[in-house]
């Protein structure tokens, strides 16, 4: 899993502890043993690209939205 502690958005820094916890919790439960290829922030959502080809979308609070 990617190790990130700060997220820059709108010129301010915010802790990613809650977001990271929610995303890691979801991935551990539903996508165990998956490898993260990349994480990108788009507007008010996070896209987690997995090596398996799936793309998981989470809202700005780290809540799951959908899988592409």
C-alpha atoms as a PDB file:
ATOM      1  CA  UNK A   1       0.000   0.000   0.000  1.00  0.00           C
ATOM      2  CA  UNK A   2       1.200   3.505  -0.706  1.00  0.00           C
ATOM      3  CA  UNK A   3       2.341   5.420   2.375  1.00  0.00           C
ATOM      4  CA  UNK A   4       0.906   8.965   2.381  1.00  0.00           C
ATOM      5  CA  UNK A   5       0.519  11.196   5.376  1.00  0.00           C
ATOM      6  CA  UNK A   6      -0.416  14.597   3.915  1.00  0.00           C
ATOM      7  CA  UNK A   7      -2.725  15.515   1.082  1.00  0.00           C
ATOM      8  CA  UNK A   8      -2.422  18.902  -0.583  1.00  0.00           C
ATOM      9  CA  UNK A   9      -5.691  20.370  -1.749  1.00  0.00           C
ATOM     10  CA  UNK A  10      -6.812  23.908  -2.442  1.00  0.00           C
ATOM     11  CA  UNK A  11      -3.515  25.300  -1.203  1.00  0.00           C
ATOM     12  CA  UNK A  12      -3.841  23.814   2.283  1.00  0.00           C
ATOM     13  CA  UNK A  13      -2.539  20.637   3.829  1.00  0.00           C
ATOM     14  CA  UNK A  14      -4.838  18.169   5.536  1.00  0.00           C
ATOM     15  CA  UNK A  15      -4.135  14.954   7.363  1.00  0.00           C
ATOM     16  CA  UNK A  16      -5.014  11.850   5.421  1.00  0.00           C
ATOM     17  CA  UNK A  17      -5.312   9.618   8.509  1.00  0.00           C
ATOM     18  CA  UNK A  18      -9.091   9.198   8.311  1.00  0.00           C
ATOM     19  CA  UNK A  19      -9.108   8.808   4.543  1.00  0.00           C
ATOM     20  CA  UNK A  20      -6.272   6.330   4.602  1.00  0.00           C
ATOM     21  CA  UNK A  21      -7.948   4.286   7.344  1.00  0.00           C
ATOM     22  CA  UNK A  22     -11.249   4.067   5.442  1.00  0.00           C
ATOM     23  CA  UNK A  23      -9.604   3.138   2.143  1.00  0.00           C
ATOM     24  CA  UNK A  24      -7.236   0.588   3.676  1.00  0.00           C
ATOM     25  CA  UNK A  25     -10.109  -0.942   5.636  1.00  0.00           C
ATOM     26  CA  UNK A  26     -12.226  -1.295   2.484  1.00  0.00           C
ATOM     27  CA  UNK A  27      -9.376  -2.723   0.427  1.00  0.00           C
ATOM     28  CA  UNK A  28      -8.356  -5.189   3.145  1.00  0.00           C
ATOM     29  CA  UNK A  29     -11.892  -6.509   3.327  1.00  0.00           C
ATOM     30  CA  UNK A  30     -12.847  -6.609  -0.371  1.00  0.00           C
ATOM     31  CA  UNK A  31      -9.509  -6.626  -2.249  1.00  0.00           C
ATOM     32  CA  UNK A  32      -7.028  -8.510  -0.034  1.00  0.00           C
ATOM     33  CA  UNK A  33      -3.614  -9.139  -1.606  1.00  0.00           C
ATOM     34  CA  UNK A  34      -4.219  -6.432  -4.244  1.00  0.00           C
ATOM     35  CA  UNK A  35      -1.319  -4.241  -5.293  1.00  0.00           C
ATOM     36  CA  UNK A  36      -1.883  -0.500  -5.727  1.00  0.00           C
ATOM     37  CA  UNK A  37      -0.466   0.849  -8.962  1.00  0.00           C
ATOM     38  CA  UNK A  38      -1.338   4.512  -8.346  1.00  0.00           C
ATOM     39  CA  UNK A  39      -3.497   6.886  -6.329  1.00  0.00           C
ATOM     40  CA  UNK A  40      -4.785  10.121  -7.800  1.00  0.00           C
ATOM     41  CA  UNK A  41      -6.933  12.900  -6.387  1.00  0.00           C
ATOM     42  CA  UNK A  42      -9.520  14.260  -8.778  1.00  0.00           C
ATOM     43  CA  UNK A  43     -11.611  17.164  -7.514  1.00  0.00           C
ATOM     44  CA  UNK A  44     -13.381  15.663  -4.507  1.00  0.00           C
ATOM     45  CA  UNK A  45     -12.609  11.996  -5.178  1.00  0.00           C
ATOM     46  CA  UNK A  46      -9.702   9.580  -4.977  1.00  0.00           C
ATOM     47  CA  UNK A  47      -9.008   7.010  -7.660  1.00  0.00           C
ATOM     48  CA  UNK A  48      -7.027   3.949  -6.639  1.00  0.00           C
ATOM     49  CA  UNK A  49      -5.674   2.021  -9.628  1.00  0.00           C
ATOM     50  CA  UNK A  50      -4.852  -1.612  -8.899  1.00  0.00           C
ATOM     51  CA  UNK A  51      -2.348  -3.766 -10.799  1.00  0.00           C
ATOM     52  CA  UNK A  52      -5.230  -6.162 -11.566  1.00  0.00           C
ATOM     53  CA  UNK A  53      -6.810  -3.469 -13.774  1.00  0.00           C
ATOM     54  CA  UNK A  54      -9.550  -2.356 -11.395  1.00  0.00           C
ATOM     55  CA  UNK A  55      -9.997   1.308 -10.520  1.00  0.00           C
ATOM     56  CA  UNK A  56     -11.650   2.022  -7.160  1.00  0.00           C
ATOM     57  CA  UNK A  57     -13.255   5.409  -6.579  1.00  0.00           C
ATOM     58  CA  UNK A  58     -13.665   6.905  -3.104  1.00  0.00           C
ATOM     59  CA  UNK A  59     -15.167  10.234  -2.044  1.00  0.00           C
ATOM     60  CA  UNK A  60     -13.140  12.922  -0.263  1.00  0.00           C
ATOM     61  CA  UNK A  61     -13.813  11.273   3.112  1.00  0.00           C
ATOM     62  CA  UNK A  62     -12.540   7.901   1.943  1.00  0.00           C
ATOM     63  CA  UNK A  63     -15.968   6.303   1.467  1.00  0.00           C
ATOM     64  CA  UNK A  64     -16.267   3.812  -1.386  1.00  0.00           C
ATOM     65  CA  UNK A  65     -18.250   4.985  -4.446  1.00  0.00           C
ATOM     66  CA  UNK A  66     -17.647   2.530  -7.281  1.00  0.00           C
ATOM     67  CA  UNK A  67     -15.305   0.149  -9.122  1.00  0.00           C
ATOM     68  CA  UNK A  68     -14.429   0.575 -12.793  1.00  0.00           C
END
